[in-house]
């Protein structure tokens, strides 16, 4: 019997990717998985595989290797943070208790799995790519010092 992991996982993005080779195209799947324990730990991973299940398993293993710890102040963050990754720019601001989480897309998923329940976030980027927005959010959370 396997031990139940304390981490919750969410598939953020799933894409079909092809590679052109002599004789045709090779089809694979790319999965982006977010894992978090809702207590301040979060990880993001990417995996490719011949089928969806294999890609998700590889992405989860990759996410387990990339876990970071985030210092929380109750159910929010201590101060404003912003970060840029590739074309994505994200701003995260703390909010008082009971305000709720005002964020969308990949940013919302990451903040929920981190355990942040009261915050406001905004993507100020020219991209709608979930992977780059997620990476920018992780970079912003890394800036929070203990």
N, C-alpha and C. Protein backbone atom coordinates (compact mmCIF):
# COMPACT_ATOMS: atom_id res chain seq x y z
N UNK A 1 0.84 -1.18 0.00
CA UNK A 1 0.00 0.00 0.00
C UNK A 1 0.88 1.24 0.00
N UNK A 2 0.62 2.15 -0.94
CA UNK A 2 1.44 3.36 -1.04
C UNK A 2 0.99 4.41 -0.04
N UNK A 3 1.95 5.20 0.43
CA UNK A 3 1.66 6.30 1.33
C UNK A 3 1.03 7.44 0.54
N UNK A 4 -0.05 8.01 1.07
CA UNK A 4 -0.74 9.12 0.39
C UNK A 4 0.12 10.38 0.51
N UNK A 5 0.38 11.03 -0.60
CA UNK A 5 1.19 12.24 -0.61
C UNK A 5 0.38 13.41 -0.06
N UNK A 6 1.08 14.32 0.65
CA UNK A 6 0.40 15.50 1.17
C UNK A 6 0.18 16.54 0.08
N UNK A 7 0.80 16.35 -1.08
CA UNK A 7 0.70 17.32 -2.15
C UNK A 7 -0.51 17.05 -3.03
N UNK A 8 -1.18 18.15 -3.41
CA UNK A 8 -2.26 18.07 -4.38
C UNK A 8 -1.68 18.44 -5.73
N UNK A 9 -2.19 17.82 -6.78
CA UNK A 9 -1.66 18.12 -8.12
C UNK A 9 -2.76 18.61 -9.04
N UNK A 10 -2.38 19.45 -9.98
CA UNK A 10 -3.32 19.99 -10.96
C UNK A 10 -2.60 20.07 -12.29
N UNK A 11 -3.23 19.50 -13.33
CA UNK A 11 -2.67 19.61 -14.67
C UNK A 11 -3.03 20.99 -15.20
N UNK A 12 -2.02 21.81 -15.41
CA UNK A 12 -2.24 23.18 -15.84
C UNK A 12 -2.44 23.25 -17.35
N UNK A 13 -1.65 22.49 -18.09
CA UNK A 13 -1.69 22.58 -19.55
C UNK A 13 -1.35 21.21 -20.13
N UNK A 14 -2.02 20.89 -21.21
CA UNK A 14 -1.77 19.63 -21.90
C UNK A 14 -1.78 19.93 -23.40
N UNK A 15 -0.66 19.65 -24.07
CA UNK A 15 -0.55 19.97 -25.49
C UNK A 15 -0.05 18.78 -26.29
N UNK A 16 -0.51 18.73 -27.52
CA UNK A 16 0.00 17.75 -28.48
C UNK A 16 1.12 18.41 -29.24
N UNK A 17 2.29 17.83 -29.21
CA UNK A 17 3.43 18.39 -29.93
C UNK A 17 3.91 17.38 -30.96
N UNK A 18 4.32 17.87 -32.11
CA UNK A 18 4.79 16.98 -33.16
C UNK A 18 6.20 17.37 -33.57
N UNK A 19 6.93 16.37 -34.03
CA UNK A 19 8.28 16.57 -34.54
C UNK A 19 8.30 15.95 -35.93
N UNK A 20 8.75 16.71 -36.89
CA UNK A 20 8.78 16.21 -38.26
C UNK A 20 10.09 15.45 -38.48
N UNK A 21 9.95 14.20 -38.91
CA UNK A 21 11.10 13.36 -39.21
C UNK A 21 10.92 12.78 -40.60
N UNK A 22 11.96 12.15 -41.10
CA UNK A 22 11.85 11.52 -42.41
C UNK A 22 10.76 10.44 -42.35
N UNK A 23 9.81 10.54 -43.21
CA UNK A 23 8.72 9.57 -43.23
C UNK A 23 7.46 10.03 -42.53
N UNK A 24 7.45 11.23 -41.97
CA UNK A 24 6.21 11.71 -41.35
C UNK A 24 6.45 12.53 -40.10
N UNK A 25 5.48 12.44 -39.18
CA UNK A 25 5.53 13.23 -37.95
C UNK A 25 5.47 12.30 -36.74
N UNK A 26 6.19 12.68 -35.70
CA UNK A 26 6.15 11.95 -34.43
C UNK A 26 5.29 12.75 -33.46
N UNK A 27 4.27 12.12 -32.94
CA UNK A 27 3.33 12.77 -32.03
C UNK A 27 3.68 12.44 -30.58
N UNK A 28 3.72 13.47 -29.76
CA UNK A 28 3.94 13.30 -28.32
C UNK A 28 3.01 14.26 -27.59
N UNK A 29 2.94 14.11 -26.27
CA UNK A 29 2.13 14.99 -25.44
C UNK A 29 3.03 15.68 -24.43
N UNK A 30 2.76 16.96 -24.20
CA UNK A 30 3.50 17.73 -23.20
C UNK A 30 2.52 18.16 -22.11
N UNK A 31 2.83 17.81 -20.88
CA UNK A 31 1.98 18.16 -19.74
C UNK A 31 2.72 19.11 -18.81
N UNK A 32 2.00 20.10 -18.30
CA UNK A 32 2.51 20.99 -17.27
C UNK A 32 1.70 20.74 -16.01
N UNK A 33 2.37 20.35 -14.94
CA UNK A 33 1.69 19.99 -13.69
C UNK A 33 2.18 20.89 -12.57
N UNK A 34 1.22 21.34 -11.73
CA UNK A 34 1.52 22.13 -10.55
C UNK A 34 1.20 21.25 -9.34
N UNK A 35 2.11 21.19 -8.36
CA UNK A 35 1.82 20.48 -7.12
C UNK A 35 2.03 21.43 -5.95
N UNK A 36 1.21 21.30 -4.94
CA UNK A 36 1.33 22.14 -3.76
C UNK A 36 0.65 21.49 -2.58
N UNK A 37 1.08 21.87 -1.37
CA UNK A 37 0.49 21.28 -0.17
C UNK A 37 -0.45 22.23 0.55
N UNK A 38 -0.70 23.40 -0.02
CA UNK A 38 -1.58 24.43 0.55
C UNK A 38 -1.07 24.93 1.90
N UNK A 39 0.23 24.75 2.15
CA UNK A 39 0.85 25.24 3.39
C UNK A 39 2.11 26.04 3.09
N UNK A 40 2.29 26.43 1.83
CA UNK A 40 3.45 27.25 1.49
C UNK A 40 4.46 26.59 0.58
N UNK A 41 4.23 25.36 0.17
CA UNK A 41 5.16 24.69 -0.75
C UNK A 41 4.49 24.52 -2.11
N UNK A 42 5.25 24.80 -3.17
CA UNK A 42 4.70 24.75 -4.53
C UNK A 42 5.80 24.29 -5.48
N UNK A 43 5.41 23.55 -6.51
CA UNK A 43 6.36 23.10 -7.52
C UNK A 43 5.69 23.03 -8.88
N UNK A 44 6.47 23.24 -9.92
CA UNK A 44 5.96 23.18 -11.29
C UNK A 44 6.87 22.25 -12.08
N UNK A 45 6.25 21.43 -12.92
CA UNK A 45 7.04 20.49 -13.71
C UNK A 45 6.46 20.30 -15.10
N UNK A 46 7.33 19.96 -16.04
CA UNK A 46 6.94 19.72 -17.43
C UNK A 46 7.42 18.33 -17.81
N UNK A 47 6.57 17.58 -18.52
CA UNK A 47 6.96 16.25 -18.95
C UNK A 47 6.39 15.94 -20.32
N UNK A 48 7.15 15.20 -21.11
CA UNK A 48 6.69 14.76 -22.42
C UNK A 48 6.63 13.24 -22.45
N UNK A 49 5.62 12.73 -23.16
CA UNK A 49 5.49 11.29 -23.27
C UNK A 49 4.69 10.89 -24.48
N UNK A 50 4.72 9.60 -24.78
CA UNK A 50 3.98 9.09 -25.93
C UNK A 50 2.48 9.11 -25.70
N UNK A 51 2.05 9.04 -24.44
CA UNK A 51 0.63 9.18 -24.14
C UNK A 51 0.47 10.16 -22.98
N UNK A 52 -0.78 10.55 -22.71
CA UNK A 52 -1.06 11.58 -21.71
C UNK A 52 -0.62 11.14 -20.32
N UNK A 53 -0.93 9.91 -19.94
CA UNK A 53 -0.59 9.43 -18.60
C UNK A 53 0.91 9.46 -18.35
N UNK A 54 1.69 9.06 -19.34
CA UNK A 54 3.15 9.08 -19.21
C UNK A 54 3.66 10.51 -19.06
N UNK A 55 3.11 11.44 -19.85
CA UNK A 55 3.52 12.84 -19.77
C UNK A 55 3.20 13.44 -18.41
N UNK A 56 2.01 13.13 -17.88
CA UNK A 56 1.62 13.66 -16.56
C UNK A 56 2.50 13.08 -15.46
N UNK A 57 2.82 11.80 -15.54
CA UNK A 57 3.69 11.17 -14.53
C UNK A 57 5.08 11.80 -14.54
N UNK A 58 5.63 12.04 -15.73
CA UNK A 58 6.95 12.67 -15.83
C UNK A 58 6.91 14.11 -15.31
N UNK A 59 5.83 14.82 -15.61
CA UNK A 59 5.70 16.21 -15.16
C UNK A 59 5.59 16.26 -13.64
N UNK A 60 4.86 15.32 -13.05
CA UNK A 60 4.72 15.28 -11.60
C UNK A 60 6.07 15.00 -10.93
N UNK A 61 6.83 14.08 -11.50
CA UNK A 61 8.17 13.78 -10.96
C UNK A 61 9.08 15.01 -11.06
N UNK A 62 8.97 15.73 -12.17
CA UNK A 62 9.75 16.96 -12.35
C UNK A 62 9.33 18.03 -11.34
N UNK A 63 8.04 18.14 -11.08
CA UNK A 63 7.53 19.13 -10.13
C UNK A 63 8.01 18.83 -8.72
N UNK A 64 8.10 17.55 -8.37
CA UNK A 64 8.57 17.18 -7.03
C UNK A 64 10.02 17.61 -6.80
N UNK A 65 10.80 17.66 -7.89
CA UNK A 65 12.20 18.08 -7.79
C UNK A 65 12.35 19.60 -7.69
N UNK A 66 11.31 20.34 -8.10
CA UNK A 66 11.39 21.81 -8.18
C UNK A 66 10.53 22.50 -7.14
N UNK A 67 10.37 21.90 -5.96
CA UNK A 67 9.51 22.49 -4.94
C UNK A 67 10.23 23.65 -4.25
N UNK A 68 9.49 24.76 -4.07
CA UNK A 68 10.01 25.90 -3.32
C UNK A 68 9.10 26.15 -2.13
N UNK A 69 9.64 26.76 -1.09
CA UNK A 69 8.87 27.11 0.10
C UNK A 69 8.59 28.61 0.06
N UNK A 70 7.34 28.98 0.34
CA UNK A 70 6.93 30.39 0.31
C UNK A 70 6.51 30.79 1.72
N UNK A 71 7.03 31.92 2.19
CA UNK A 71 6.68 32.43 3.52
C UNK A 71 5.32 33.11 3.42
N UNK A 72 4.35 32.58 4.17
CA UNK A 72 3.00 33.15 4.18
C UNK A 72 2.77 33.94 5.46
N UNK A 73 1.86 34.90 5.38
CA UNK A 73 1.44 35.68 6.55
C UNK A 73 -0.05 35.42 6.72
N UNK A 74 -0.38 34.38 7.47
CA UNK A 74 -1.77 33.94 7.56
C UNK A 74 -2.14 33.24 6.26
N UNK A 75 -3.15 33.76 5.57
CA UNK A 75 -3.55 33.20 4.29
C UNK A 75 -3.24 34.15 3.14
N UNK A 76 -2.27 35.03 3.35
CA UNK A 76 -1.85 35.96 2.30
C UNK A 76 -0.32 36.03 2.30
N UNK A 77 0.21 36.93 1.47
CA UNK A 77 1.66 37.12 1.41
C UNK A 77 2.02 38.37 2.21
N UNK A 78 3.26 38.51 2.68
CA UNK A 78 3.61 39.65 3.53
C UNK A 78 3.63 41.01 2.82
N UNK A 79 3.99 41.04 1.53
CA UNK A 79 4.11 42.32 0.82
C UNK A 79 3.98 42.10 -0.68
N UNK A 80 3.88 43.22 -1.43
CA UNK A 80 3.74 43.15 -2.89
C UNK A 80 4.98 42.55 -3.53
N UNK A 81 4.76 41.71 -4.52
CA UNK A 81 5.87 41.17 -5.30
C UNK A 81 5.49 41.20 -6.77
N UNK A 82 6.50 41.33 -7.61
CA UNK A 82 6.28 41.23 -9.05
C UNK A 82 7.47 40.53 -9.67
N UNK A 83 7.25 39.94 -10.83
CA UNK A 83 8.33 39.23 -11.50
C UNK A 83 8.04 39.16 -12.98
N UNK A 84 9.10 38.95 -13.73
CA UNK A 84 9.00 38.80 -15.18
C UNK A 84 9.71 37.52 -15.57
N UNK A 85 9.08 36.75 -16.44
CA UNK A 85 9.68 35.55 -16.99
C UNK A 85 9.34 35.51 -18.46
N UNK A 86 10.35 35.55 -19.32
CA UNK A 86 10.14 35.58 -20.76
C UNK A 86 9.24 36.77 -21.09
N UNK A 87 8.08 36.55 -21.69
CA UNK A 87 7.18 37.65 -22.04
C UNK A 87 6.14 37.91 -20.96
N UNK A 88 6.12 37.10 -19.90
CA UNK A 88 5.08 37.21 -18.88
C UNK A 88 5.55 38.09 -17.72
N UNK A 89 4.65 38.96 -17.28
CA UNK A 89 4.91 39.81 -16.11
C UNK A 89 3.72 39.68 -15.17
N UNK A 90 4.00 39.43 -13.88
CA UNK A 90 2.95 39.18 -12.90
C UNK A 90 3.17 40.06 -11.68
N UNK A 91 2.06 40.60 -11.15
CA UNK A 91 2.09 41.36 -9.90
C UNK A 91 1.15 40.67 -8.93
N UNK A 92 1.63 40.44 -7.69
CA UNK A 92 0.80 39.84 -6.64
C UNK A 92 0.82 40.77 -5.44
N UNK A 93 -0.38 41.13 -4.95
CA UNK A 93 -0.50 42.03 -3.80
C UNK A 93 -1.26 41.33 -2.69
N UNK A 94 -0.86 41.56 -1.43
CA UNK A 94 -1.60 40.97 -0.31
C UNK A 94 -2.95 41.65 -0.13
N UNK A 95 -3.85 40.96 0.57
CA UNK A 95 -5.16 41.52 0.88
C UNK A 95 -5.53 41.15 2.30
N UNK A 96 -6.48 41.91 2.88
CA UNK A 96 -6.89 41.61 4.25
C UNK A 96 -7.71 40.32 4.29
N UNK A 97 -7.86 39.78 5.45
CA UNK A 97 -8.56 38.51 5.62
C UNK A 97 -10.03 38.63 5.19
N UNK A 98 -10.50 37.65 4.44
CA UNK A 98 -11.86 37.65 3.95
C UNK A 98 -12.04 38.29 2.58
N UNK A 99 -10.99 38.87 2.04
CA UNK A 99 -11.06 39.54 0.75
C UNK A 99 -11.24 38.55 -0.39
N UNK A 100 -10.61 37.39 -0.26
CA UNK A 100 -10.69 36.38 -1.31
C UNK A 100 -9.54 36.49 -2.28
N UNK A 101 -9.50 35.57 -3.21
CA UNK A 101 -8.43 35.51 -4.20
C UNK A 101 -8.92 36.09 -5.51
N UNK A 102 -8.37 37.23 -5.89
CA UNK A 102 -8.74 37.88 -7.14
C UNK A 102 -7.59 37.66 -8.12
N UNK A 103 -7.67 36.59 -8.87
CA UNK A 103 -6.64 36.25 -9.85
C UNK A 103 -7.26 35.30 -10.86
N UNK A 104 -6.65 35.18 -12.00
CA UNK A 104 -7.21 34.31 -13.02
C UNK A 104 -6.16 33.41 -13.62
N UNK A 105 -6.63 32.39 -14.31
CA UNK A 105 -5.77 31.51 -15.07
C UNK A 105 -4.75 30.75 -14.25
N UNK A 106 -3.54 30.70 -14.78
CA UNK A 106 -2.46 29.95 -14.15
C UNK A 106 -2.06 30.53 -12.80
N UNK A 107 -2.15 31.85 -12.67
CA UNK A 107 -1.77 32.51 -11.42
C UNK A 107 -2.69 32.05 -10.28
N UNK A 108 -3.98 31.97 -10.56
CA UNK A 108 -4.94 31.54 -9.54
C UNK A 108 -4.66 30.12 -9.08
N UNK A 109 -4.38 29.23 -10.02
CA UNK A 109 -4.10 27.83 -9.70
C UNK A 109 -2.89 27.73 -8.77
N UNK A 110 -1.84 28.45 -9.09
CA UNK A 110 -0.61 28.39 -8.29
C UNK A 110 -0.85 28.96 -6.89
N UNK A 111 -1.54 30.09 -6.80
CA UNK A 111 -1.79 30.69 -5.49
C UNK A 111 -2.67 29.79 -4.62
N UNK A 112 -3.67 29.15 -5.21
CA UNK A 112 -4.53 28.24 -4.45
C UNK A 112 -3.75 27.04 -3.91
N UNK A 113 -2.91 26.43 -4.75
CA UNK A 113 -2.14 25.28 -4.32
C UNK A 113 -1.02 25.65 -3.34
N UNK A 114 -0.63 26.93 -3.32
CA UNK A 114 0.36 27.39 -2.34
C UNK A 114 -0.29 27.58 -0.98
N UNK A 115 -1.58 27.89 -0.97
CA UNK A 115 -2.28 28.13 0.29
C UNK A 115 -2.64 29.58 0.48
N UNK A 116 -2.46 30.39 -0.54
CA UNK A 116 -2.79 31.81 -0.47
C UNK A 116 -4.28 31.96 -0.82
N UNK A 117 -5.06 32.49 0.13
CA UNK A 117 -6.50 32.62 -0.06
C UNK A 117 -6.96 34.07 -0.19
N UNK A 118 -6.14 35.02 0.30
CA UNK A 118 -6.50 36.44 0.25
C UNK A 118 -5.38 37.20 -0.45
N UNK A 119 -5.57 37.49 -1.73
CA UNK A 119 -4.57 38.24 -2.50
C UNK A 119 -5.21 38.73 -3.79
N UNK A 120 -4.54 39.68 -4.42
CA UNK A 120 -4.94 40.17 -5.73
C UNK A 120 -3.74 40.01 -6.65
N UNK A 121 -3.97 39.47 -7.83
CA UNK A 121 -2.88 39.25 -8.78
C UNK A 121 -3.32 39.68 -10.17
N UNK A 122 -2.35 40.10 -10.97
CA UNK A 122 -2.64 40.53 -12.32
C UNK A 122 -1.49 40.16 -13.24
N UNK A 123 -1.83 39.63 -14.41
CA UNK A 123 -0.83 39.37 -15.45
C UNK A 123 -0.77 40.60 -16.35
N UNK A 124 0.38 41.23 -16.41
CA UNK A 124 0.56 42.43 -17.23
C UNK A 124 1.38 42.10 -18.47
N UNK A 125 1.16 40.93 -19.01
CA UNK A 125 2.01 40.48 -20.11
C UNK A 125 1.26 40.51 -21.42
N UNK A 126 2.01 40.32 -22.47
CA UNK A 126 1.43 40.24 -23.79
C UNK A 126 1.22 38.80 -24.20
N UNK A 127 1.33 37.87 -23.27
CA UNK A 127 1.19 36.46 -23.60
C UNK A 127 0.02 35.84 -22.85
N UNK A 128 -0.61 34.85 -23.48
CA UNK A 128 -1.67 34.08 -22.83
C UNK A 128 -1.18 32.66 -22.53
N UNK A 129 0.12 32.43 -22.73
CA UNK A 129 0.70 31.12 -22.51
C UNK A 129 0.69 30.79 -21.02
N UNK A 130 0.02 29.70 -20.66
CA UNK A 130 -0.12 29.33 -19.25
C UNK A 130 1.22 28.98 -18.62
N UNK A 131 2.11 28.38 -19.41
CA UNK A 131 3.40 27.96 -18.87
C UNK A 131 4.26 29.16 -18.48
N UNK A 132 4.34 30.18 -19.31
CA UNK A 132 5.15 31.35 -18.98
C UNK A 132 4.51 32.17 -17.87
N UNK A 133 3.18 32.26 -17.83
CA UNK A 133 2.51 32.96 -16.73
C UNK A 133 2.75 32.23 -15.41
N UNK A 134 2.72 30.90 -15.44
CA UNK A 134 2.98 30.11 -14.23
C UNK A 134 4.43 30.30 -13.77
N UNK A 135 5.35 30.30 -14.70
CA UNK A 135 6.77 30.47 -14.35
C UNK A 135 7.01 31.86 -13.75
N UNK A 136 6.34 32.88 -14.28
CA UNK A 136 6.48 34.23 -13.74
C UNK A 136 5.92 34.30 -12.32
N UNK A 137 4.83 33.60 -12.07
CA UNK A 137 4.24 33.57 -10.73
C UNK A 137 5.17 32.89 -9.74
N UNK A 138 5.79 31.79 -10.15
CA UNK A 138 6.76 31.10 -9.29
C UNK A 138 7.94 32.02 -8.98
N UNK A 139 8.41 32.74 -10.00
CA UNK A 139 9.53 33.69 -9.79
C UNK A 139 9.13 34.77 -8.79
N UNK A 140 7.89 35.26 -8.86
CA UNK A 140 7.41 36.27 -7.92
C UNK A 140 7.37 35.71 -6.50
N UNK A 141 6.89 34.47 -6.36
CA UNK A 141 6.81 33.87 -5.02
C UNK A 141 8.20 33.58 -4.45
N UNK A 142 9.18 33.34 -5.31
CA UNK A 142 10.56 33.12 -4.85
C UNK A 142 11.15 34.38 -4.22
N UNK A 143 10.64 35.55 -4.61
CA UNK A 143 11.17 36.83 -4.11
C UNK A 143 10.76 37.11 -2.67
N UNK A 144 9.78 36.38 -2.15
CA UNK A 144 9.35 36.61 -0.78
C UNK A 144 10.39 36.03 0.18
N UNK A 145 10.99 36.90 0.97
CA UNK A 145 12.05 36.48 1.90
C UNK A 145 11.45 36.14 3.24
N UNK A 146 12.16 35.30 4.01
CA UNK A 146 11.66 34.90 5.34
C UNK A 146 11.81 36.04 6.32
